[in-house]
C-alpha atoms as a PDB file:
ATOM      1  CA  MET A   1       0.000   0.000   0.000  1.00  0.00           C
ATOM      2  CA  LYS A   2       0.958   3.666  -0.494  1.00  0.00           C
ATOM      3  CA  ILE A   3      -0.190   6.927   1.079  1.00  0.00           C
ATOM      4  CA  CYS A   4      -2.160   9.512  -0.896  1.00  0.00           C
ATOM      5  CA  PRO A   5      -0.545  12.907  -0.330  1.00  0.00           C
ATOM      6  CA  GLU A   6      -3.898  14.644  -0.890  1.00  0.00           C
ATOM      7  CA  CYS A   7      -6.192  12.850   1.586  1.00  0.00           C
ATOM      8  CA  ASN A   8      -3.514  10.959   3.587  1.00  0.00           C
ATOM      9  CA  CYS A   9      -5.264   7.725   2.834  1.00  0.00           C
ATOM     10  CA  THR A  10      -3.007   4.745   3.553  1.00  0.00           C
ATOM     11  CA  ASP A  11      -5.039   2.146   1.658  1.00  0.00           C
ATOM     12  CA  VAL A  12      -3.973   3.129  -1.891  1.00  0.00           C
ATOM     13  CA  PRO A  13      -2.650   0.099  -3.810  1.00  0.00           C
ATOM     14  CA  GLU A  14       0.915   0.332  -5.027  1.00  0.00           C
ATOM     15  CA  THR A  15      -0.076  -0.253  -8.671  1.00  0.00           C
ATOM     16  CA  SER A  16      -2.832   2.398  -8.662  1.00  0.00           C
ATOM     17  CA  SER A  17      -2.141   5.628 -10.589  1.00  0.00           C
ATOM     18  CA  ARG A  18      -4.973   7.501  -8.813  1.00  0.00           C
ATOM     19  CA  CYS A  19      -6.263   7.634  -5.247  1.00  0.00           C
ATOM     20  CA  PRO A  20      -9.507   5.622  -5.081  1.00  0.00           C
ATOM     21  CA  PHE A  21     -10.829   7.977  -2.390  1.00  0.00           C
ATOM     22  CA  CYS A  22     -10.027  11.509  -3.557  1.00  0.00           C
ATOM     23  CA  GLY A  23      -8.996  10.875  -7.146  1.00  0.00           C
ATOM     24  CA  PHE A  24      -5.542  12.308  -6.788  1.00  0.00           C
ATOM     25  CA  ARG A  25      -3.330  11.367  -9.713  1.00  0.00           C
ATOM     26  CA  PHE A  26       0.119   9.931  -8.989  1.00  0.00           C
ATOM     27  CA  VAL A  27       2.827  10.988 -11.398  1.00  0.00           C
ATOM     28  CA  GLN A  28       5.040   8.068 -10.571  1.00  0.00           C
ATOM     29  CA  GLU A  29       4.193   4.935  -8.740  1.00  0.00           C
ATOM     30  CA  GLY A  30       5.409   4.829  -5.155  1.00  0.00           C
ATOM     31  CA  MET A  31       6.553   8.412  -5.343  1.00  0.00           C
ATOM     32  CA  PHE A  32       4.724   9.729  -2.305  1.00  0.00           C
ATOM     33  CA  LYS A  33       5.303   8.346   1.179  1.00  0.00           C
ATOM     34  CA  ASP A  34       4.661   9.694   4.658  1.00  0.00           C
ATOM     35  CA  ASP A  35       8.187  10.960   4.903  1.00  0.00           C
ATOM     36  CA  ASN A  36       8.219  12.587   1.444  1.00  0.00           C
ATOM     37  CA  ILE A  37       5.442  15.107   1.722  1.00  0.00           C
ATOM     38  CA  SER A  38       7.701  17.879   0.482  1.00  0.00           C
ATOM     39  CA  ASP A  39       7.593  16.386  -3.017  1.00  0.00           C
ATOM     40  CA  ARG A  40       3.859  16.813  -3.035  1.00  0.00           C
ATOM     41  CA  GLY A  41       4.126  20.504  -3.690  1.00  0.00           C
ATOM     42  CA  ILE A  42       6.313  19.827  -6.702  1.00  0.00           C
ATOM     43  CA  VAL A  43       3.797  17.368  -8.118  1.00  0.00           C
ATOM     44  CA  LEU A  44       0.899  19.657  -7.368  1.00  0.00           C
ATOM     45  CA  ASN A  45       2.752  22.518  -9.045  1.00  0.00           C
ATOM     46  CA  GLN A  46       3.470  20.266 -11.965  1.00  0.00           C
ATOM     47  CA  GLU A  47      -0.173  19.285 -12.255  1.00  0.00           C
ATOM     48  CA  LYS A  48      -1.297  22.895 -11.848  1.00  0.00           C
ATOM     49  CA  THR A  49       1.288  23.995 -14.374  1.00  0.00           C
ATOM     50  CA  GLY A  50       0.099  21.286 -16.734  1.00  0.00           C
ATOM     51  CA  LEU A  51      -3.486  22.355 -16.219  1.00  0.00           C
ATOM     52  CA  ALA A  52      -2.490  25.956 -16.747  1.00  0.00           C
ATOM     53  CA  ASP A  53      -0.589  25.056 -19.887  1.00  0.00           C
ATOM     54  CA  GLY A  54      -3.498  22.937 -21.075  1.00  0.00           C
ATOM     55  CA  ALA A  55      -5.947  25.718 -20.313  1.00  0.00           C
ATOM     56  CA  ALA A  56      -3.724  28.189 -22.116  1.00  0.00           C
ATOM     57  CA  LEU A  57      -3.412  25.780 -25.009  1.00  0.00           C
ATOM     58  CA  ASN A  58      -7.157  25.237 -25.111  1.00  0.00           C
ATOM     59  CA  GLU A  59      -7.686  28.984 -24.908  1.00  0.00           C
ATOM     60  CA  GLU A  60      -5.169  29.552 -27.691  1.00  0.00           C
ATOM     61  CA  GLU A  61      -6.804  26.839 -29.779  1.00  0.00           C
ATOM     62  CA  ALA A  62     -10.181  28.360 -29.060  1.00  0.00           C
ATOM     63  CA  VAL A  63      -8.912  31.753 -30.185  1.00  0.00           C
ATOM     64  CA  SER A  64      -6.854  30.440 -33.076  1.00  0.00           C
ATOM     65  CA  ALA A  65      -9.725  28.322 -34.377  1.00  0.00           C
ATOM     66  CA  PRO A  66     -11.931  31.330 -35.238  1.00  0.00           C
ATOM     67  CA  LEU A  67      -8.844  33.151 -36.458  1.00  0.00           C
ATOM     68  CA  GLY A  68      -8.047  30.185 -38.674  1.00  0.00           C
ATOM     69  CA  LYS A  69     -11.581  30.205 -39.965  1.00  0.00           C
ATOM     70  CA  LYS A  70     -11.345  33.944 -40.520  1.00  0.00           C
ATOM     71  CA  ARG A  71      -8.038  33.492 -42.307  1.00  0.00           C
ATOM     72  CA  ARG A  72      -9.542  30.770 -44.461  1.00  0.00           C
ATOM     73  CA  LYS A  73     -12.544  32.988 -45.165  1.00  0.00           C
ATOM     74  CA  ASN A  74     -10.242  35.886 -45.928  1.00  0.00           C
ATOM     75  CA  ARG A  75      -8.160  33.726 -48.245  1.00  0.00           C
ATOM     76  CA  LEU A  76     -11.352  32.435 -49.886  1.00  0.00           C
ATOM     77  CA  GLY A  77     -12.552  35.995 -50.296  1.00  0.00           C
ATOM     78  CA  ILE A  78      -9.206  36.987 -51.789  1.00  0.00           C
ATOM     79  CA  TYR A  79      -9.325  34.024 -54.160  1.00  0.00           C
ATOM     80  CA  MET A  80     -12.882  34.950 -55.195  1.00  0.00           C
ATOM     81  CA  VAL A  81     -11.860  38.555 -55.753  1.00  0.00           C
ATOM     82  CA  MET A  82      -8.847  37.400 -57.783  1.00  0.00           C
ATOM     83  CA  ALA A  83     -11.051  35.039 -59.780  1.00  0.00           C
ATOM     84  CA  LEU A  84     -13.618  37.766 -60.412  1.00  0.00           C
ATOM     85  CA  ALA A  85     -10.865  40.197 -61.329  1.00  0.00           C
ATOM     86  CA  GLY A  86      -9.339  37.644 -63.680  1.00  0.00           C
ATOM     87  CA  GLY A  87     -12.744  36.979 -65.221  1.00  0.00           C
ATOM     88  CA  ALA A  88     -13.312  40.697 -65.603  1.00  0.00           C
ATOM     89  CA  ILE A  89      -9.929  41.025 -67.303  1.00  0.00           C
ATOM     90  CA  VAL A  90     -10.725  38.112 -69.630  1.00  0.00           C
ATOM     91  CA  ILE A  91     -14.147  39.561 -70.446  1.00  0.00           C
ATOM     92  CA  SER A  92     -12.634  42.996 -70.954  1.00  0.00           C
ATOM     93  CA  SER A  93      -9.957  41.519 -73.209  1.00  0.00           C
ATOM     94  CA  TYR A  94     -12.595  39.551 -75.121  1.00  0.00           C
ATOM     95  CA  LYS A  95     -14.708  42.668 -75.564  1.00  0.00           C
ATOM     96  CA  SER A  96     -11.628  44.582 -76.663  1.00  0.00           C
ATOM     97  CA  VAL A  97     -10.768  41.870 -79.190  1.00  0.00           C
ATOM     98  CA  MET A  98     -14.353  41.804 -80.399  1.00  0.00           C
ATOM     99  CA  ARG A  99     -14.368  45.575 -80.725  1.00  0.00           C
ATOM    100  CA  ASP A 100     -11.089  45.467 -82.622  1.00  0.00           C
ATOM    101  CA  GLY A 101     -12.379  42.618 -84.785  1.00  0.00           C
ATOM    102  CA  ASN A 102     -15.666  44.390 -85.420  1.00  0.00           C
ATOM    103  CA  ALA A 103     -13.814  47.588 -86.200  1.00  0.00           C
ATOM    104  CA  GLN A 104     -11.542  45.727 -88.593  1.00  0.00           C
ATOM    105  CA  ASN A 105     -14.518  43.976 -90.194  1.00  0.00           C
ATOM    106  CA  ALA A 106     -16.316  47.294 -90.447  1.00  0.00           C
ATOM    107  CA  GLU A 107     -13.261  48.817 -92.136  1.00  0.00           C
ATOM    108  CA  GLU A 108     -13.029  45.880 -94.549  1.00  0.00           C
ATOM    109  CA  ILE A 109     -16.756  46.090 -95.313  1.00  0.00           C
ATOM    110  CA  GLU A 110     -16.449  49.823 -95.791  1.00  0.00           C
ATOM    111  CA  GLU A 111     -13.452  49.327 -98.099  1.00  0.00           C
ATOM    112  CA  ARG A 112     -15.302  46.672-100.103  1.00  0.00           C
ATOM    113  CA  SER A 113     -18.377  48.879-100.271  1.00  0.00           C
ATOM    114  CA  SER A 114     -16.225  51.770-101.393  1.00  0.00           C
ATOM    115  CA  GLU A 115     -14.575  49.605-104.073  1.00  0.00           C
ATOM    116  CA  GLU A 116     -17.952  48.279-105.211  1.00  0.00           C
ATOM    117  CA  GLU A 117     -19.336  51.800-105.324  1.00  0.00           C
ATOM    118  CA  THR A 118     -16.300  52.905-107.337  1.00  0.00           C
ATOM    119  CA  ILE A 119     -16.724  50.007-109.788  1.00  0.00           C
ATOM    120  CA  GLU A 120     -20.463  50.570-109.999  1.00  0.00           C
ATOM    121  CA  SER A 121     -19.936  54.295-110.421  1.00  0.00           C
ATOM    122  CA  SER A 122     -17.365  53.653-113.141  1.00  0.00           C
ATOM    123  CA  PHE A 123     -19.711  51.218-114.873  1.00  0.00           C
ATOM    124  CA  MET A 124     -22.586  53.661-114.582  1.00  0.00           C
ATOM    125  CA  GLU A 125     -20.424  56.434-115.957  1.00  0.00           C
ATOM    126  CA  GLU A 126     -19.415  54.261-118.905  1.00  0.00           C
ATOM    127  CA  THR A 127     -23.032  53.263-119.432  1.00  0.00           C
ATOM    128  CA  GLU A 128     -24.143  56.872-119.214  1.00  0.00           C
ATOM    129  CA  GLU A 129     -21.410  57.902-121.638  1.00  0.00           C
ATOM    130  CA  GLU A 130     -22.503  55.151-124.012  1.00  0.00           C
ATOM    131  CA  LYS A 131     -26.127  56.209-123.650  1.00  0.00           C
ATOM    132  CA  ASP A 132     -25.177  59.807-124.182  1.00  0.00           C
ATOM    133  CA  GLU A 133     -23.179  58.881-127.288  1.00  0.00           C
ATOM    134  CA  ARG A 134     -26.054  56.873-128.710  1.00  0.00           C
ATOM    135  CA  THR A 135     -28.534  59.552-127.804  1.00  0.00           C
ATOM    136  CA  LEU A 136     -26.439  62.195-129.529  1.00  0.00           C
ATOM    137  CA  LEU A 137     -26.091  60.024-132.618  1.00  0.00           C
ATOM    138  CA  LEU A 138     -29.806  59.252-132.745  1.00  0.00           C
ATOM    139  CA  GLU A 139     -30.572  62.951-132.597  1.00  0.00           C
ATOM    140  CA  GLN A 140     -28.557  63.375-135.784  1.00  0.00           C
ATOM    141  CA  ILE A 141     -30.549  60.784-137.752  1.00  0.00           C
ATOM    142  CA  PRO A 142     -33.671  62.012-139.524  1.00  0.00           C
ATOM    143  CA  TYR A 143     -36.706  59.784-138.953  1.00  0.00           C
ATOM    144  CA  CYS A 144     -34.682  57.515-136.654  1.00  0.00           C
ATOM    145  CA  ASP A 145     -37.923  56.000-135.289  1.00  0.00           C
ATOM    146  CA  GLN A 146     -38.548  54.467-138.733  1.00  0.00           C
ATOM    147  CA  TYR A 147     -35.446  52.261-138.495  1.00  0.00           C
ATOM    148  CA  ILE A 148     -35.151  48.880-136.851  1.00  0.00           C
ATOM    149  CA  LEU A 149     -31.459  49.557-136.120  1.00  0.00           C
ATOM    150  CA  PRO A 150     -30.917  53.265-136.796  1.00  0.00           C
ATOM    151  CA  LEU A 151     -27.242  53.205-135.698  1.00  0.00           C
ATOM    152  CA  SER A 152     -26.104  50.302-137.867  1.00  0.00           C
ATOM    153  CA  ASP A 153     -23.979  52.677-139.998  1.00  0.00           C
ATOM    154  CA  ARG A 154     -22.474  54.634-137.062  1.00  0.00           C
ATOM    155  CA  ILE A 155     -21.416  52.190-134.285  1.00  0.00           C
ATOM    156  CA  TYR A 156     -20.493  48.538-133.849  1.00  0.00           C
ATOM    157  CA  LEU A 157     -23.643  46.757-132.769  1.00  0.00           C
ATOM    158  CA  GLU A 158     -23.622  43.994-130.176  1.00  0.00           C
ATOM    159  CA  ARG A 159     -25.515  40.753-129.889  1.00  0.00           C
ATOM    160  CA  ALA A 160     -27.669  42.351-127.186  1.00  0.00           C
ATOM    161  CA  ASP A 161     -28.923  44.851-129.805  1.00  0.00           C
ATOM    162  CA  LEU A 162     -30.361  41.969-131.818  1.00  0.00           C
ATOM    163  CA  GLU A 163     -31.916  39.950-129.031  1.00  0.00           C
ATOM    164  CA  GLY A 164     -35.690  40.130-128.997  1.00  0.00           C
ATOM    165  CA  LEU A 165     -36.037  40.905-132.697  1.00  0.00           C
ATOM    166  CA  THR A 166     -38.188  38.609-134.796  1.00  0.00           C
ATOM    167  CA  ALA A 167     -36.927  36.904-137.956  1.00  0.00           C
ATOM    168  CA  GLU A 168     -38.805  39.469-140.058  1.00  0.00           C
ATOM    169  CA  GLN A 169     -37.323  42.379-138.125  1.00  0.00           C
ATOM    170  CA  LEU A 170     -33.824  40.928-138.504  1.00  0.00           C
ATOM    171  CA  ARG A 171     -34.379  40.674-142.283  1.00  0.00           C
ATOM    172  CA  ILE A 172     -35.513  44.295-142.447  1.00  0.00           C
ATOM    173  CA  ALA A 173     -32.639  45.471-140.263  1.00  0.00           C
ATOM    174  CA  ARG A 174     -30.100  43.702-142.481  1.00  0.00           C
ATOM    175  CA  ASN A 175     -31.612  45.238-145.648  1.00  0.00           C
ATOM    176  CA  GLU A 176     -31.769  48.665-143.997  1.00  0.00           C
ATOM    177  CA  ILE A 177     -28.027  48.818-144.570  1.00  0.00           C
ATOM    178  CA  TYR A 178     -28.676  48.475-148.333  1.00  0.00           C
ATOM    179  CA  ALA A 179     -31.731  50.736-148.370  1.00  0.00           C
ATOM    180  CA  ARG A 180     -29.826  53.533-146.673  1.00  0.00           C
ATOM    181  CA  HIS A 181     -27.669  53.765-149.809  1.00  0.00           C
ATOM    182  CA  GLY A 182     -30.693  53.862-152.209  1.00  0.00           C
ATOM    183  CA  ARG A 183     -30.823  50.230-153.337  1.00  0.00           C
ATOM    184  CA  ILE A 184     -34.063  49.142-155.033  1.00  0.00           C
ATOM    185  CA  PHE A 185     -35.443  45.717-153.956  1.00  0.00           C
ATOM    186  CA  LYS A 186     -36.960  43.087-156.210  1.00  0.00           C
ATOM    187  CA  ASP A 187     -38.794  41.569-153.234  1.00  0.00           C
ATOM    188  CA  GLU A 188     -42.232  43.193-153.170  1.00  0.00           C
ATOM    189  CA  MET A 189     -42.573  43.105-149.403  1.00  0.00           C
ATOM    190  CA  LEU A 190     -39.201  44.805-148.837  1.00  0.00           C
ATOM    191  CA  ASN A 191     -39.804  47.288-151.633  1.00  0.00           C
ATOM    192  CA  ALA A 192     -43.221  48.223-150.196  1.00  0.00           C
ATOM    193  CA  TYR A 193     -41.824  48.510-146.658  1.00  0.00           C
ATOM    194  CA  PHE A 194     -38.985  50.857-147.557  1.00  0.00           C
ATOM    195  CA  GLN A 195     -41.161  52.884-149.884  1.00  0.00           C
ATOM    196  CA  GLY A 196     -43.182  53.724-146.773  1.00  0.00           C
ATOM    197  CA  CYS A 197     -40.119  55.118-144.945  1.00  0.00           C
ATOM    198  CA  SER A 198     -39.611  58.880-145.239  1.00  0.00           C
ATOM    199  CA  TRP A 199     -35.852  58.565-145.242  1.00  0.00           C
ATOM    200  CA  TYR A 200     -35.742  56.042-148.148  1.00  0.00           C
ATOM    201  CA  ASN A 201     -34.799  57.143-151.681  1.00  0.00           C
ATOM    202  CA  GLY A 202     -34.508  54.120-154.000  1.00  0.00           C
ATOM    203  CA  SER A 203     -32.372  54.971-157.010  1.00  0.00           C
ATOM    204  CA  LEU A 204     -30.086  52.018-157.713  1.00  0.00           C
ATOM    205  CA  THR A 205     -31.124  48.687-159.181  1.00  0.00           C
ATOM    206  CA  PRO A 206     -29.533  45.521-157.768  1.00  0.00           C
ATOM    207  CA  GLU A 207     -27.269  45.395-160.814  1.00  0.00           C
ATOM    208  CA  GLU A 208     -26.120  48.986-160.302  1.00  0.00           C
ATOM    209  CA  PHE A 209     -25.556  48.644-156.555  1.00  0.00           C
ATOM    210  CA  SER A 210     -22.105  47.778-155.103  1.00  0.00           C
ATOM    211  CA  ASP A 211     -21.219  46.636-151.558  1.00  0.00           C
ATOM    212  CA  LYS A 212     -18.162  48.854-151.714  1.00  0.00           C
ATOM    213  CA  VAL A 213     -20.266  51.767-150.460  1.00  0.00           C
ATOM    214  CA  PHE A 214     -20.519  50.149-147.002  1.00  0.00           C
ATOM    215  CA  ASN A 215     -18.321  51.551-144.241  1.00  0.00           C
ATOM    216  CA  GLU A 216     -16.592  49.451-141.575  1.00  0.00           C
ATOM    217  CA  TYR A 217     -19.573  49.640-139.203  1.00  0.00           C
ATOM    218  CA  GLU A 218     -22.026  48.519-141.874  1.00  0.00           C
ATOM    219  CA  ASN A 219     -19.875  45.575-142.977  1.00  0.00           C
ATOM    220  CA  ALA A 220     -19.374  44.410-139.374  1.00  0.00           C
ATOM    221  CA  ASN A 221     -23.049  44.843-138.446  1.00  0.00           C
ATOM    222  CA  LYS A 222     -24.276  43.062-141.601  1.00  0.00           C
ATOM    223  CA  SER A 223     -22.061  40.066-140.729  1.00  0.00           C
ATOM    224  CA  LEU A 224     -23.317  40.156-137.133  1.00  0.00           C
ATOM    225  CA  ILE A 225     -26.966  40.059-138.235  1.00  0.00           C
ATOM    226  CA  VAL A 226     -26.324  37.220-140.716  1.00  0.00           C
ATOM    227  CA  SER A 227     -24.499  35.231-138.012  1.00  0.00           C
ATOM    228  CA  TYR A 228     -27.340  35.781-135.537  1.00  0.00           C
ATOM    229  CA  GLU A 229     -29.919  34.687-138.138  1.00  0.00           C
ATOM    230  CA  HIS A 230     -27.969  31.486-138.732  1.00  0.00           C
ATOM    231  CA  GLU A 231     -27.840  30.926-134.992  1.00  0.00           C
ATOM    232  CA  LEU A 232     -31.621  31.182-134.861  1.00  0.00           C
ATOM    233  CA  GLY A 233     -31.974  28.935-137.933  1.00  0.00           C
ATOM    234  CA  VAL A 234     -33.282  31.742-140.135  1.00  0.00           C
ATOM    235  CA  ASN A 235     -32.261  31.792-143.806  1.00  0.00           C
ATOM    236  CA  GLY A 236     -32.307  35.507-144.467  1.00  0.00           C
ATOM    237  CA  GLN A 237     -32.481  36.953-147.992  1.00  0.00           C
END
């Protein structure tokens, strides 16, 4: 048996680490005897110091725990702010790129539009010049409304000038080139038609007439009409 230094109980078993009567905790087995009471203060101080250290530790843990949570919250908040800032930067950069891209596209579209307008304007100017030239030439031709192709002796005609004409109109247009130079026609229909035109003055029989009177426009336009008639399967005379 050993003596408990707290309650002076003498019935504490040697192997017991605590007093069964007062609960005192022995640091080392068999440490406290009747004649060694002075060590009791050391043990008590050690226990109190341990309790104090434990209490301080618990208090520090209790304080540090909220601080840790606060730090984690603060770090989380910082991370969120950084993430939002990064997202804002990305969005801003994307918008900037889109603005630059849109601006570049707008410039390209504007350049293309400008080029198209220039081409269209040039084409329109050429068309207007051509119209003006034809208009001026038509104004110089007496009774121009009585011709099928009144400009056949003044400009090179194009296929588009012949499109839409009937086979009979093509025949008349081809013979207009002859009639303009006063050729008389054996064909009654042609002779009657041209006799009804105010500009016509038949004076040369077929035997007296020569193709040498045709200018370069008339020769080219006569060949164009003949070619177009063949294309349509018309045997013009």
